[in-house]
Amino acid sequence: MENRLLSLFGERVRTERLARNLSQEQLASLADLDRTYVSGVERGKRNVSLVNISRLSKALNISMSSLIDFEVDDE
């Protein structure tokens, strides 16, 4: 379930980034993160801290809760 959660979060970040026509590099700069970190988040390879979820949500101009609002199957 943990891997699925990370993948779903990464998909959400990617969807929101693309909806705003931002590159990974632009999002990383706005969030004060490294581009490779953003890439890892989007691929579900990073276990993102609460602080970095906050940075990403501010950079995307959305609430933290809307960034993590998705259903996770109990597989």
C-alpha atoms as a PDB file:
ATOM      1  CA  MET A   1       0.000   0.000   0.000  1.00  0.00           C
ATOM      2  CA  GLU A   2       2.885   2.376   0.739  1.00  0.00           C
ATOM      3  CA  ASN A   3       4.185   2.217  -2.837  1.00  0.00           C
ATOM      4  CA  ARG A   4       0.686   2.829  -4.197  1.00  0.00           C
ATOM      5  CA  LEU A   5       0.296   5.855  -1.929  1.00  0.00           C
ATOM      6  CA  LEU A   6       3.585   7.329  -3.149  1.00  0.00           C
ATOM      7  CA  SER A   7       2.622   6.679  -6.778  1.00  0.00           C
ATOM      8  CA  LEU A   8      -0.780   8.318  -6.365  1.00  0.00           C
ATOM      9  CA  PHE A   9       0.773  11.356  -4.711  1.00  0.00           C
ATOM     10  CA  GLY A  10       3.340  11.610  -7.497  1.00  0.00           C
ATOM     11  CA  GLU A  11       0.634  11.383 -10.144  1.00  0.00           C
ATOM     12  CA  ARG A  12      -1.269  14.178  -8.409  1.00  0.00           C
ATOM     13  CA  VAL A  13       1.801  16.416  -8.307  1.00  0.00           C
ATOM     14  CA  ARG A  14       2.482  15.754 -12.007  1.00  0.00           C
ATOM     15  CA  THR A  15      -1.144  16.446 -12.962  1.00  0.00           C
ATOM     16  CA  GLU A  16      -1.185  19.733 -11.053  1.00  0.00           C
ATOM     17  CA  ARG A  17       2.224  20.761 -12.443  1.00  0.00           C
ATOM     18  CA  LEU A  18       1.178  20.075 -16.030  1.00  0.00           C
ATOM     19  CA  ALA A  19      -2.143  21.879 -15.525  1.00  0.00           C
ATOM     20  CA  ARG A  20      -0.077  24.956 -14.722  1.00  0.00           C
ATOM     21  CA  ASN A  21       2.293  24.451 -17.669  1.00  0.00           C
ATOM     22  CA  LEU A  22       5.298  24.139 -15.367  1.00  0.00           C
ATOM     23  CA  SER A  23       8.377  22.070 -16.032  1.00  0.00           C
ATOM     24  CA  GLN A  24       9.826  19.973 -13.225  1.00  0.00           C
ATOM     25  CA  GLU A  25      12.661  22.471 -13.036  1.00  0.00           C
ATOM     26  CA  GLN A  26      10.250  25.402 -12.682  1.00  0.00           C
ATOM     27  CA  LEU A  27       8.247  23.642  -9.979  1.00  0.00           C
ATOM     28  CA  ALA A  28      11.418  22.698  -8.151  1.00  0.00           C
ATOM     29  CA  SER A  29      12.590  26.303  -8.213  1.00  0.00           C
ATOM     30  CA  LEU A  30       9.249  27.610  -6.935  1.00  0.00           C
ATOM     31  CA  ALA A  31       9.240  24.994  -4.157  1.00  0.00           C
ATOM     32  CA  ASP A  32      12.937  25.466  -3.310  1.00  0.00           C
ATOM     33  CA  LEU A  33      13.626  21.806  -4.100  1.00  0.00           C
ATOM     34  CA  ASP A  34      15.993  20.035  -6.470  1.00  0.00           C
ATOM     35  CA  ARG A  35      14.606  19.015  -9.876  1.00  0.00           C
ATOM     36  CA  THR A  36      15.720  15.429  -9.312  1.00  0.00           C
ATOM     37  CA  TYR A  37      13.740  15.386  -6.070  1.00  0.00           C
ATOM     38  CA  VAL A  38      10.586  16.541  -7.894  1.00  0.00           C
ATOM     39  CA  SER A  39      11.210  13.864 -10.513  1.00  0.00           C
ATOM     40  CA  GLY A  40      11.496  11.228  -7.793  1.00  0.00           C
ATOM     41  CA  VAL A  41       8.276  12.442  -6.177  1.00  0.00           C
ATOM     42  CA  GLU A  42       6.396  12.266  -9.474  1.00  0.00           C
ATOM     43  CA  ARG A  43       7.666   8.742 -10.107  1.00  0.00           C
ATOM     44  CA  GLY A  44       6.620   7.621  -6.622  1.00  0.00           C
ATOM     45  CA  LYS A  45      10.213   6.994  -5.567  1.00  0.00           C
ATOM     46  CA  ARG A  46      10.338   9.537  -2.728  1.00  0.00           C
ATOM     47  CA  ASN A  47       8.608   9.372   0.636  1.00  0.00           C
ATOM     48  CA  VAL A  48       7.756  13.064   0.850  1.00  0.00           C
ATOM     49  CA  SER A  49       7.917  14.887   4.174  1.00  0.00           C
ATOM     50  CA  LEU A  50       5.142  17.128   5.422  1.00  0.00           C
ATOM     51  CA  VAL A  51       7.433  20.133   4.953  1.00  0.00           C
ATOM     52  CA  ASN A  52       7.987  19.272   1.291  1.00  0.00           C
ATOM     53  CA  ILE A  53       4.283  18.625   0.709  1.00  0.00           C
ATOM     54  CA  SER A  54       3.745  22.153   2.021  1.00  0.00           C
ATOM     55  CA  ARG A  55       6.425  23.552  -0.302  1.00  0.00           C
ATOM     56  CA  LEU A  56       4.925  21.775  -3.302  1.00  0.00           C
ATOM     57  CA  SER A  57       1.384  22.879  -2.497  1.00  0.00           C
ATOM     58  CA  LYS A  58       2.466  26.515  -2.124  1.00  0.00           C
ATOM     59  CA  ALA A  59       4.431  26.351  -5.391  1.00  0.00           C
ATOM     60  CA  LEU A  60       1.367  24.909  -7.131  1.00  0.00           C
ATOM     61  CA  ASN A  61      -0.909  27.438  -5.400  1.00  0.00           C
ATOM     62  CA  ILE A  62      -3.228  24.782  -3.973  1.00  0.00           C
ATOM     63  CA  SER A  63      -3.989  23.623  -0.464  1.00  0.00           C
ATOM     64  CA  MET A  64      -2.073  20.730   1.037  1.00  0.00           C
ATOM     65  CA  SER A  65      -5.339  18.891   1.550  1.00  0.00           C
ATOM     66  CA  SER A  66      -6.289  19.084  -2.123  1.00  0.00           C
ATOM     67  CA  LEU A  67      -2.844  17.809  -3.073  1.00  0.00           C
ATOM     68  CA  ILE A  68      -3.339  14.667  -0.993  1.00  0.00           C
ATOM     69  CA  ASP A  69      -7.062  14.203  -1.629  1.00  0.00           C
ATOM     70  CA  PHE A  70      -7.205  10.811  -3.369  1.00  0.00           C
ATOM     71  CA  GLU A  71      -8.388   7.313  -2.581  1.00  0.00           C
ATOM     72  CA  VAL A  72      -5.900   4.536  -1.842  1.00  0.00           C
ATOM     73  CA  ASP A  73      -6.903   0.912  -2.367  1.00  0.00           C
ATOM     74  CA  ASP A  74      -6.030  -1.420   0.523  1.00  0.00           C
ATOM     75  CA  GLU A  75      -4.054  -3.788  -1.677  1.00  0.00           C
END
